[in-house]
Amino acid sequence: MSDVANEDFVGALVASGPTSNYPERMRRFGQLVGTWSIASRILNEDTQEWSESELSWTFAYILDGRAVQDVLSGPSRVDPSIVETRGSTIRAYDPLLGVWRVNWFGTANGDYCTLVATGHRDGIRQDGTQTDGRPIRWNFSAITPDSFAWDGWVSNDGGATWWLEQHMDARRVR
C-alpha cells in the first residue's frame, strides 16, 4: 500500500474528538484516549503461574468520533527485542440500547471476543464471551486522568464463579 493510501485510510478512520451527537456517552471510553504504559500480569491456566510484561496501550477516537479504538502492543513472546501488536479493540456506542458494543481482535493469539460495556462503580464493566465460549468480564476501574486498572475475569461454570486471568496497571504516557 502506498504512503498516500495509508494516509487516506488513517485520515478516514481516526477522529479528532467525540461526536457531538452524544458527547457525554462518549466520555465513558473517551477518557482513555491517549497512550498508556502498562504493567501486565497474566495467569497461565495450566501451570497456575503468573507472567509479567510491559505493554503499551493506545486509544483514539475513530469513525467521526462515534467509536473508540485501541491497539495493545508489547515485546514479542518469541523475540523480546521485537515489538508486536497483540491486538485491537473497537468500542462503539449503541444509542438504541444505551450500551457500548465491544469487539476485541487478539490477532497475535487468534482470540476474538464480543462484549457489552456499561458503567460500573468507579469504572467500566464489559461482559461477553471469549473465543472458547467461556464467559468473560473485563473491568476498567480506579480510572483517573493519569491511571487506571484493568482486570480480566473468566468463568468455567457459566458465570457462577469467576477467576482472575489478567491484571493490568496503566500510567498515562500522553
N, C-alpha and C. Protein backbone atom coordinates (compact mmCIF):
# COMPACT_ATOMS: atom_id res chain seq x y z
N MET A 1 0.86 -1.17 0.00
CA MET A 1 0.00 0.00 0.00
C MET A 1 0.90 1.23 0.00
N SER A 2 0.53 2.21 -0.75
CA SER A 2 1.33 3.42 -0.84
C SER A 2 1.16 4.28 0.41
N ASP A 3 2.12 5.18 0.63
CA ASP A 3 2.03 6.09 1.76
C ASP A 3 0.77 6.96 1.68
N VAL A 4 0.39 7.35 0.47
CA VAL A 4 -0.81 8.17 0.28
C VAL A 4 -2.05 7.38 0.70
N ALA A 5 -2.12 6.11 0.29
CA ALA A 5 -3.26 5.28 0.67
C ALA A 5 -3.30 5.10 2.19
N ASN A 6 -2.15 4.91 2.81
CA ASN A 6 -2.11 4.79 4.28
C ASN A 6 -2.60 6.07 4.94
N GLU A 7 -2.15 7.20 4.43
CA GLU A 7 -2.59 8.49 4.99
C GLU A 7 -4.09 8.68 4.80
N ASP A 8 -4.61 8.30 3.63
CA ASP A 8 -6.04 8.41 3.37
C ASP A 8 -6.83 7.54 4.33
N PHE A 9 -6.34 6.30 4.56
CA PHE A 9 -7.03 5.38 5.46
C PHE A 9 -7.03 5.92 6.88
N VAL A 10 -5.88 6.33 7.37
CA VAL A 10 -5.77 6.87 8.73
C VAL A 10 -6.65 8.11 8.87
N GLY A 11 -6.64 8.98 7.86
CA GLY A 11 -7.47 10.19 7.90
C GLY A 11 -8.95 9.88 7.93
N ALA A 12 -9.36 8.82 7.24
CA ALA A 12 -10.78 8.42 7.24
C ALA A 12 -11.16 7.71 8.53
N LEU A 13 -10.22 7.03 9.16
CA LEU A 13 -10.51 6.26 10.37
C LEU A 13 -10.45 7.10 11.64
N VAL A 14 -9.35 7.79 11.86
CA VAL A 14 -9.10 8.49 13.12
C VAL A 14 -9.86 9.81 13.16
N ALA A 15 -10.49 10.09 14.31
CA ALA A 15 -11.25 11.33 14.51
C ALA A 15 -10.53 12.20 15.54
N SER A 16 -10.73 13.49 15.45
CA SER A 16 -10.05 14.42 16.36
C SER A 16 -10.70 14.50 17.73
N GLY A 17 -11.92 13.99 17.85
CA GLY A 17 -12.61 14.04 19.13
C GLY A 17 -13.93 13.31 19.05
N PRO A 18 -14.72 13.36 20.12
CA PRO A 18 -16.00 12.64 20.14
C PRO A 18 -17.05 13.30 19.27
N THR A 19 -18.00 12.51 18.83
CA THR A 19 -19.14 13.05 18.10
C THR A 19 -19.90 14.04 18.99
N SER A 20 -20.48 15.02 18.39
CA SER A 20 -21.29 15.98 19.17
C SER A 20 -22.70 15.46 19.41
N ASN A 21 -23.05 14.31 18.81
CA ASN A 21 -24.39 13.74 18.97
C ASN A 21 -24.67 13.28 20.40
N TYR A 22 -23.66 12.71 21.07
CA TYR A 22 -23.82 12.25 22.45
C TYR A 22 -22.46 12.30 23.14
N PRO A 23 -21.94 13.51 23.34
CA PRO A 23 -20.59 13.66 23.88
C PRO A 23 -20.42 13.09 25.29
N GLU A 24 -21.44 13.16 26.12
CA GLU A 24 -21.31 12.63 27.48
C GLU A 24 -21.15 11.11 27.47
N ARG A 25 -21.89 10.45 26.60
CA ARG A 25 -21.77 8.99 26.48
C ARG A 25 -20.39 8.61 25.97
N MET A 26 -19.84 9.43 25.09
CA MET A 26 -18.53 9.14 24.52
C MET A 26 -17.42 9.25 25.56
N ARG A 27 -17.69 9.93 26.65
CA ARG A 27 -16.69 10.08 27.69
C ARG A 27 -16.33 8.75 28.36
N ARG A 28 -17.27 7.82 28.39
CA ARG A 28 -17.04 6.54 29.07
C ARG A 28 -15.69 5.94 28.64
N PHE A 29 -15.48 5.77 27.33
CA PHE A 29 -14.19 5.29 26.84
C PHE A 29 -13.30 6.42 26.36
N GLY A 30 -13.88 7.55 26.06
CA GLY A 30 -13.10 8.70 25.60
C GLY A 30 -12.08 9.16 26.63
N GLN A 31 -12.38 8.96 27.91
CA GLN A 31 -11.43 9.35 28.95
C GLN A 31 -10.13 8.56 28.87
N LEU A 32 -10.12 7.47 28.12
CA LEU A 32 -8.92 6.65 27.96
C LEU A 32 -8.10 7.04 26.73
N VAL A 33 -8.62 7.94 25.90
CA VAL A 33 -7.91 8.32 24.68
C VAL A 33 -6.53 8.86 25.05
N GLY A 34 -5.51 8.30 24.42
CA GLY A 34 -4.12 8.65 24.68
C GLY A 34 -3.28 7.38 24.68
N THR A 35 -2.05 7.50 25.16
CA THR A 35 -1.15 6.36 25.22
C THR A 35 -0.79 6.06 26.66
N TRP A 36 -0.78 4.79 27.00
CA TRP A 36 -0.58 4.32 28.37
C TRP A 36 0.55 3.29 28.43
N SER A 37 1.32 3.35 29.48
CA SER A 37 2.32 2.34 29.80
C SER A 37 1.65 1.33 30.72
N ILE A 38 1.77 0.05 30.41
CA ILE A 38 1.03 -1.00 31.11
C ILE A 38 1.98 -1.98 31.78
N ALA A 39 1.75 -2.23 33.05
CA ALA A 39 2.38 -3.35 33.77
C ALA A 39 1.34 -4.45 33.81
N SER A 40 1.61 -5.54 33.09
CA SER A 40 0.63 -6.61 32.93
C SER A 40 1.07 -7.88 33.63
N ARG A 41 0.10 -8.55 34.25
CA ARG A 41 0.31 -9.88 34.83
C ARG A 41 -0.77 -10.78 34.26
N ILE A 42 -0.37 -11.94 33.74
CA ILE A 42 -1.34 -12.87 33.17
C ILE A 42 -1.08 -14.26 33.73
N LEU A 43 -2.17 -14.95 34.03
CA LEU A 43 -2.10 -16.28 34.64
C LEU A 43 -2.15 -17.36 33.57
N ASN A 44 -1.20 -18.29 33.63
CA ASN A 44 -1.23 -19.46 32.76
C ASN A 44 -2.18 -20.45 33.44
N GLU A 45 -3.29 -20.72 32.80
CA GLU A 45 -4.33 -21.57 33.41
C GLU A 45 -3.82 -22.99 33.68
N ASP A 46 -2.93 -23.48 32.84
CA ASP A 46 -2.43 -24.85 33.01
C ASP A 46 -1.45 -24.98 34.16
N THR A 47 -0.50 -24.03 34.26
CA THR A 47 0.55 -24.12 35.28
C THR A 47 0.23 -23.34 36.55
N GLN A 48 -0.78 -22.46 36.47
CA GLN A 48 -1.15 -21.57 37.58
C GLN A 48 -0.01 -20.61 37.95
N GLU A 49 0.87 -20.31 36.99
CA GLU A 49 1.96 -19.37 37.20
C GLU A 49 1.64 -18.06 36.50
N TRP A 50 2.01 -16.96 37.17
CA TRP A 50 1.82 -15.62 36.62
C TRP A 50 3.06 -15.21 35.85
N SER A 51 2.87 -14.57 34.71
CA SER A 51 3.98 -13.96 33.98
C SER A 51 3.73 -12.47 33.88
N GLU A 52 4.80 -11.70 33.84
CA GLU A 52 4.70 -10.25 33.81
C GLU A 52 5.31 -9.71 32.52
N SER A 53 4.75 -8.60 32.04
CA SER A 53 5.30 -7.94 30.87
C SER A 53 4.95 -6.46 30.90
N GLU A 54 5.70 -5.67 30.16
CA GLU A 54 5.44 -4.25 29.98
C GLU A 54 4.83 -4.07 28.59
N LEU A 55 3.70 -3.40 28.54
CA LEU A 55 2.99 -3.20 27.28
C LEU A 55 2.73 -1.73 27.04
N SER A 56 2.28 -1.42 25.85
CA SER A 56 1.82 -0.08 25.50
C SER A 56 0.39 -0.21 24.99
N TRP A 57 -0.48 0.70 25.44
CA TRP A 57 -1.89 0.65 25.06
C TRP A 57 -2.29 2.04 24.59
N THR A 58 -2.67 2.16 23.33
CA THR A 58 -3.04 3.45 22.75
C THR A 58 -4.50 3.43 22.35
N PHE A 59 -5.23 4.48 22.76
CA PHE A 59 -6.66 4.64 22.46
C PHE A 59 -6.86 5.89 21.61
N ALA A 60 -7.80 5.84 20.65
CA ALA A 60 -8.12 7.02 19.83
C ALA A 60 -9.59 6.98 19.44
N TYR A 61 -10.16 8.18 19.23
CA TYR A 61 -11.50 8.26 18.64
C TYR A 61 -11.39 7.88 17.18
N ILE A 62 -12.42 7.17 16.68
CA ILE A 62 -12.46 6.79 15.28
C ILE A 62 -13.87 7.01 14.73
N LEU A 63 -13.98 6.88 13.41
CA LEU A 63 -15.27 6.90 12.71
C LEU A 63 -16.13 8.10 13.10
N ASP A 64 -15.60 9.28 12.81
CA ASP A 64 -16.29 10.55 13.10
C ASP A 64 -16.59 10.71 14.59
N GLY A 65 -15.76 10.10 15.44
CA GLY A 65 -15.92 10.25 16.88
C GLY A 65 -17.03 9.42 17.47
N ARG A 66 -17.54 8.45 16.73
CA ARG A 66 -18.64 7.61 17.21
C ARG A 66 -18.16 6.32 17.86
N ALA A 67 -16.85 6.12 17.88
CA ALA A 67 -16.28 4.90 18.46
C ALA A 67 -14.89 5.22 19.00
N VAL A 68 -14.37 4.30 19.82
CA VAL A 68 -13.01 4.40 20.35
C VAL A 68 -12.32 3.09 20.03
N GLN A 69 -11.13 3.19 19.44
CA GLN A 69 -10.35 2.01 19.11
C GLN A 69 -9.05 2.05 19.90
N ASP A 70 -8.58 0.87 20.30
CA ASP A 70 -7.28 0.80 20.96
C ASP A 70 -6.39 -0.20 20.25
N VAL A 71 -5.10 -0.06 20.49
CA VAL A 71 -4.10 -1.00 20.00
C VAL A 71 -3.20 -1.34 21.18
N LEU A 72 -3.06 -2.64 21.46
CA LEU A 72 -2.21 -3.12 22.55
C LEU A 72 -0.98 -3.77 21.94
N SER A 73 0.20 -3.34 22.37
CA SER A 73 1.43 -3.90 21.82
C SER A 73 2.45 -4.12 22.92
N GLY A 74 3.41 -4.98 22.63
CA GLY A 74 4.45 -5.27 23.60
C GLY A 74 5.51 -6.15 22.98
N PRO A 75 6.49 -6.54 23.78
CA PRO A 75 7.57 -7.38 23.26
C PRO A 75 7.04 -8.71 22.74
N SER A 76 7.63 -9.17 21.66
CA SER A 76 7.28 -10.48 21.10
C SER A 76 7.59 -11.56 22.12
N ARG A 77 6.73 -12.55 22.20
CA ARG A 77 6.98 -13.67 23.11
C ARG A 77 8.11 -14.56 22.59
N VAL A 78 8.37 -14.49 21.28
CA VAL A 78 9.43 -15.29 20.66
C VAL A 78 10.77 -14.56 20.74
N ASP A 79 10.76 -13.27 20.40
CA ASP A 79 11.98 -12.45 20.41
C ASP A 79 11.66 -11.12 21.09
N PRO A 80 11.98 -10.97 22.38
CA PRO A 80 11.63 -9.76 23.13
C PRO A 80 12.21 -8.47 22.57
N SER A 81 13.18 -8.55 21.65
CA SER A 81 13.73 -7.33 21.06
C SER A 81 12.80 -6.76 19.99
N ILE A 82 11.78 -7.52 19.60
CA ILE A 82 10.83 -7.09 18.58
C ILE A 82 9.51 -6.74 19.25
N VAL A 83 8.96 -5.56 18.92
CA VAL A 83 7.65 -5.17 19.44
C VAL A 83 6.60 -5.66 18.45
N GLU A 84 5.57 -6.33 18.99
CA GLU A 84 4.49 -6.81 18.14
C GLU A 84 3.16 -6.27 18.65
N THR A 85 2.23 -6.14 17.72
CA THR A 85 0.88 -5.74 18.09
C THR A 85 0.15 -6.98 18.57
N ARG A 86 -0.37 -6.91 19.80
CA ARG A 86 -1.09 -8.06 20.37
C ARG A 86 -2.52 -8.11 19.86
N GLY A 87 -3.11 -6.92 19.67
CA GLY A 87 -4.49 -6.90 19.20
C GLY A 87 -5.08 -5.51 19.28
N SER A 88 -6.36 -5.43 18.97
CA SER A 88 -7.06 -4.15 18.93
C SER A 88 -8.51 -4.36 19.33
N THR A 89 -9.06 -3.36 19.97
CA THR A 89 -10.46 -3.39 20.37
C THR A 89 -11.17 -2.20 19.73
N ILE A 90 -12.36 -2.44 19.22
CA ILE A 90 -13.22 -1.36 18.74
C ILE A 90 -14.43 -1.31 19.66
N ARG A 91 -14.68 -0.11 20.20
CA ARG A 91 -15.80 0.11 21.11
C ARG A 91 -16.71 1.17 20.49
N ALA A 92 -17.93 0.78 20.15
CA ALA A 92 -18.88 1.71 19.52
C ALA A 92 -20.11 1.84 20.41
N TYR A 93 -20.52 3.08 20.63
CA TYR A 93 -21.71 3.32 21.44
C TYR A 93 -22.95 3.01 20.62
N ASP A 94 -23.87 2.24 21.21
CA ASP A 94 -25.13 1.89 20.58
C ASP A 94 -26.22 2.77 21.20
N PRO A 95 -26.62 3.86 20.53
CA PRO A 95 -27.60 4.78 21.12
C PRO A 95 -28.99 4.17 21.27
N LEU A 96 -29.31 3.13 20.51
CA LEU A 96 -30.63 2.50 20.64
C LEU A 96 -30.74 1.72 21.94
N LEU A 97 -29.67 1.03 22.34
CA LEU A 97 -29.69 0.23 23.57
C LEU A 97 -29.06 0.96 24.75
N GLY A 98 -28.31 2.03 24.47
CA GLY A 98 -27.66 2.77 25.55
C GLY A 98 -26.48 2.03 26.15
N VAL A 99 -25.83 1.17 25.37
CA VAL A 99 -24.66 0.42 25.82
C VAL A 99 -23.55 0.56 24.77
N TRP A 100 -22.38 0.10 25.15
CA TRP A 100 -21.25 0.05 24.22
C TRP A 100 -21.10 -1.37 23.68
N ARG A 101 -20.95 -1.50 22.38
CA ARG A 101 -20.63 -2.77 21.73
C ARG A 101 -19.11 -2.84 21.65
N VAL A 102 -18.53 -3.93 22.13
CA VAL A 102 -17.07 -4.05 22.23
C VAL A 102 -16.62 -5.31 21.49
N ASN A 103 -15.61 -5.17 20.63
CA ASN A 103 -15.05 -6.31 19.91
C ASN A 103 -13.54 -6.29 20.02
N TRP A 104 -12.96 -7.33 20.63
CA TRP A 104 -11.52 -7.49 20.77
C TRP A 104 -11.03 -8.44 19.68
N PHE A 105 -9.98 -8.03 19.00
CA PHE A 105 -9.35 -8.84 17.96
C PHE A 105 -7.92 -9.11 18.41
N GLY A 106 -7.69 -10.23 19.06
CA GLY A 106 -6.35 -10.59 19.54
C GLY A 106 -5.61 -11.35 18.47
N THR A 107 -5.18 -10.62 17.46
CA THR A 107 -4.61 -11.24 16.27
C THR A 107 -3.33 -12.01 16.55
N ALA A 108 -2.57 -11.65 17.58
CA ALA A 108 -1.32 -12.36 17.88
C ALA A 108 -1.59 -13.80 18.33
N ASN A 109 -2.72 -14.02 19.00
CA ASN A 109 -3.03 -15.36 19.51
C ASN A 109 -4.30 -15.97 18.91
N GLY A 110 -4.97 -15.25 18.02
CA GLY A 110 -6.20 -15.76 17.43
C GLY A 110 -7.39 -15.70 18.37
N ASP A 111 -7.40 -14.70 19.27
CA ASP A 111 -8.51 -14.51 20.20
C ASP A 111 -9.47 -13.46 19.65
N TYR A 112 -10.76 -13.76 19.68
CA TYR A 112 -11.76 -12.81 19.22
C TYR A 112 -12.91 -12.84 20.21
N CYS A 113 -13.19 -11.71 20.82
CA CYS A 113 -14.21 -11.63 21.87
C CYS A 113 -15.21 -10.53 21.57
N THR A 114 -16.46 -10.79 21.93
CA THR A 114 -17.52 -9.81 21.79
C THR A 114 -18.10 -9.55 23.18
N LEU A 115 -18.22 -8.26 23.53
CA LEU A 115 -18.70 -7.89 24.85
C LEU A 115 -19.67 -6.71 24.76
N VAL A 116 -20.37 -6.45 25.85
CA VAL A 116 -21.21 -5.27 26.00
C VAL A 116 -20.71 -4.54 27.24
N ALA A 117 -20.52 -3.22 27.12
CA ALA A 117 -19.96 -2.44 28.23
C ALA A 117 -20.97 -1.45 28.78
N THR A 118 -20.93 -1.31 30.11
CA THR A 118 -21.76 -0.35 30.83
C THR A 118 -20.93 0.26 31.95
N GLY A 119 -21.40 1.36 32.52
CA GLY A 119 -20.75 1.93 33.68
C GLY A 119 -20.93 1.00 34.87
N HIS A 120 -19.91 0.99 35.75
CA HIS A 120 -19.98 0.11 36.91
C HIS A 120 -19.09 0.69 38.00
N ARG A 121 -19.66 0.99 39.15
CA ARG A 121 -18.93 1.54 40.28
C ARG A 121 -18.03 2.69 39.83
N ASP A 122 -16.70 2.50 39.99
CA ASP A 122 -15.78 3.58 39.63
C ASP A 122 -15.16 3.37 38.25
N GLY A 123 -15.84 2.63 37.38
CA GLY A 123 -15.23 2.36 36.09
C GLY A 123 -16.21 1.84 35.06
N ILE A 124 -15.76 0.82 34.33
CA ILE A 124 -16.50 0.28 33.20
C ILE A 124 -16.47 -1.25 33.30
N ARG A 125 -17.62 -1.86 33.14
CA ARG A 125 -17.71 -3.32 33.15
C ARG A 125 -18.07 -3.79 31.75
N GLN A 126 -17.33 -4.78 31.26
CA GLN A 126 -17.56 -5.35 29.95
C GLN A 126 -17.81 -6.84 30.11
N ASP A 127 -18.98 -7.30 29.70
CA ASP A 127 -19.35 -8.70 29.81
C ASP A 127 -19.50 -9.31 28.43
N GLY A 128 -18.99 -10.54 28.28
CA GLY A 128 -19.10 -11.18 26.99
C GLY A 128 -18.62 -12.61 26.99
N THR A 129 -18.15 -13.03 25.84
CA THR A 129 -17.72 -14.40 25.63
C THR A 129 -16.37 -14.39 24.92
N GLN A 130 -15.45 -15.23 25.40
CA GLN A 130 -14.17 -15.31 24.72
C GLN A 130 -14.20 -16.38 23.64
N THR A 131 -13.12 -16.51 22.91
CA THR A 131 -13.06 -17.38 21.74
C THR A 131 -13.51 -18.80 22.03
N ASP A 132 -13.15 -19.34 23.19
CA ASP A 132 -13.51 -20.73 23.51
C ASP A 132 -14.93 -20.88 24.06
N GLY A 133 -15.71 -19.80 24.09
CA GLY A 133 -17.09 -19.85 24.51
C GLY A 133 -17.34 -19.58 25.99
N ARG A 134 -16.27 -19.47 26.78
CA ARG A 134 -16.45 -19.20 28.21
C ARG A 134 -16.82 -17.74 28.44
N PRO A 135 -17.66 -17.48 29.46
CA PRO A 135 -17.99 -16.10 29.80
C PRO A 135 -16.75 -15.34 30.30
N ILE A 136 -16.68 -14.07 29.93
CA ILE A 136 -15.60 -13.20 30.41
C ILE A 136 -16.19 -11.92 30.95
N ARG A 137 -15.44 -11.29 31.82
CA ARG A 137 -15.79 -9.99 32.38
C ARG A 137 -14.50 -9.19 32.45
N TRP A 138 -14.48 -8.09 31.72
CA TRP A 138 -13.29 -7.23 31.69
C TRP A 138 -13.68 -5.90 32.31
N ASN A 139 -12.99 -5.54 33.39
CA ASN A 139 -13.33 -4.32 34.13
C ASN A 139 -12.20 -3.29 34.08
N PHE A 140 -12.56 -2.06 33.74
CA PHE A 140 -11.68 -0.91 33.96
C PHE A 140 -12.12 -0.34 35.30
N SER A 141 -11.17 -0.04 36.19
CA SER A 141 -11.54 0.54 37.49
C SER A 141 -10.49 1.55 37.91
N ALA A 142 -10.82 2.28 38.98
CA ALA A 142 -9.92 3.29 39.54
C ALA A 142 -9.41 4.23 38.46
N ILE A 143 -10.29 4.64 37.56
CA ILE A 143 -9.89 5.49 36.44
C ILE A 143 -9.69 6.92 36.92
N THR A 144 -8.51 7.45 36.67
CA THR A 144 -8.19 8.86 36.91
C THR A 144 -7.61 9.42 35.61
N PRO A 145 -7.34 10.72 35.53
CA PRO A 145 -6.74 11.24 34.30
C PRO A 145 -5.38 10.61 33.98
N ASP A 146 -4.69 10.07 34.98
CA ASP A 146 -3.33 9.57 34.77
C ASP A 146 -3.14 8.08 35.01
N SER A 147 -4.21 7.36 35.40
CA SER A 147 -4.03 5.93 35.68
C SER A 147 -5.37 5.19 35.64
N PHE A 148 -5.28 3.90 35.50
CA PHE A 148 -6.44 3.02 35.66
C PHE A 148 -5.95 1.60 35.89
N ALA A 149 -6.85 0.75 36.34
CA ALA A 149 -6.57 -0.68 36.47
C ALA A 149 -7.52 -1.41 35.53
N TRP A 150 -7.09 -2.55 35.06
CA TRP A 150 -7.91 -3.40 34.19
C TRP A 150 -7.77 -4.83 34.68
N ASP A 151 -8.90 -5.50 34.85
CA ASP A 151 -8.90 -6.90 35.27
C ASP A 151 -9.70 -7.72 34.28
N GLY A 152 -9.15 -8.88 33.90
CA GLY A 152 -9.82 -9.82 33.03
C GLY A 152 -10.21 -11.05 33.81
N TRP A 153 -11.51 -11.28 33.93
CA TRP A 153 -12.05 -12.43 34.68
C TRP A 153 -12.64 -13.44 33.71
N VAL A 154 -12.55 -14.73 34.06
CA VAL A 154 -13.08 -15.82 33.24
C VAL A 154 -13.91 -16.74 34.15
N SER A 155 -14.95 -17.32 33.58
CA SER A 155 -15.76 -18.30 34.31
C SER A 155 -15.71 -19.63 33.60
N ASN A 156 -15.50 -20.69 34.36
CA ASN A 156 -15.52 -22.05 33.80
C ASN A 156 -16.85 -22.75 34.05
N ASP A 157 -17.78 -22.05 34.74
CA ASP A 157 -19.05 -22.69 35.08
C ASP A 157 -20.25 -21.81 34.71
N GLY A 158 -20.15 -21.16 33.56
CA GLY A 158 -21.28 -20.39 33.06
C GLY A 158 -21.58 -19.12 33.83
N GLY A 159 -20.63 -18.63 34.59
CA GLY A 159 -20.81 -17.37 35.32
C GLY A 159 -21.16 -17.53 36.78
N ALA A 160 -21.20 -18.75 37.29
CA ALA A 160 -21.48 -18.95 38.72
C ALA A 160 -20.30 -18.47 39.58
N THR A 161 -19.09 -18.76 39.11
CA THR A 161 -17.88 -18.29 39.80
C THR A 161 -16.92 -17.74 38.75
N TRP A 162 -16.01 -16.88 39.21
CA TRP A 162 -15.06 -16.21 38.32
C TRP A 162 -13.65 -16.33 38.89
N TRP A 163 -12.65 -16.38 38.00
CA TRP A 163 -11.26 -16.34 38.43
C TRP A 163 -10.51 -15.30 37.60
N LEU A 164 -9.55 -14.64 38.25
CA LEU A 164 -8.78 -13.57 37.62
C LEU A 164 -7.72 -14.17 36.70
N GLU A 165 -7.79 -13.81 35.43
CA GLU A 165 -6.85 -14.31 34.42
C GLU A 165 -5.75 -13.29 34.12
N GLN A 166 -6.09 -11.99 34.20
CA GLN A 166 -5.11 -10.96 33.86
C GLN A 166 -5.39 -9.69 34.65
N HIS A 167 -4.32 -9.01 35.05
CA HIS A 167 -4.44 -7.71 35.70
C HIS A 167 -3.44 -6.76 35.05
N MET A 168 -3.90 -5.53 34.76
CA MET A 168 -3.02 -4.52 34.18
C MET A 168 -3.17 -3.22 34.96
N ASP A 169 -2.02 -2.59 35.26
CA ASP A 169 -1.97 -1.26 35.85
C ASP A 169 -1.47 -0.32 34.77
N ALA A 170 -2.20 0.77 34.54
CA ALA A 170 -1.87 1.70 33.47
C ALA A 170 -1.45 3.05 34.02
N ARG A 171 -0.45 3.64 33.39
CA ARG A 171 0.01 5.01 33.69
C ARG A 171 0.06 5.77 32.37
N ARG A 172 -0.56 6.95 32.36
CA ARG A 172 -0.62 7.74 31.12
C ARG A 172 0.77 8.21 30.72
N VAL A 173 1.07 8.00 29.43
CA VAL A 173 2.31 8.50 28.84
C VAL A 173 2.03 9.83 28.15
N ARG A 174 0.89 9.91 27.43
CA ARG A 174 0.44 11.15 26.78
C ARG A 174 -1.02 11.05 26.41
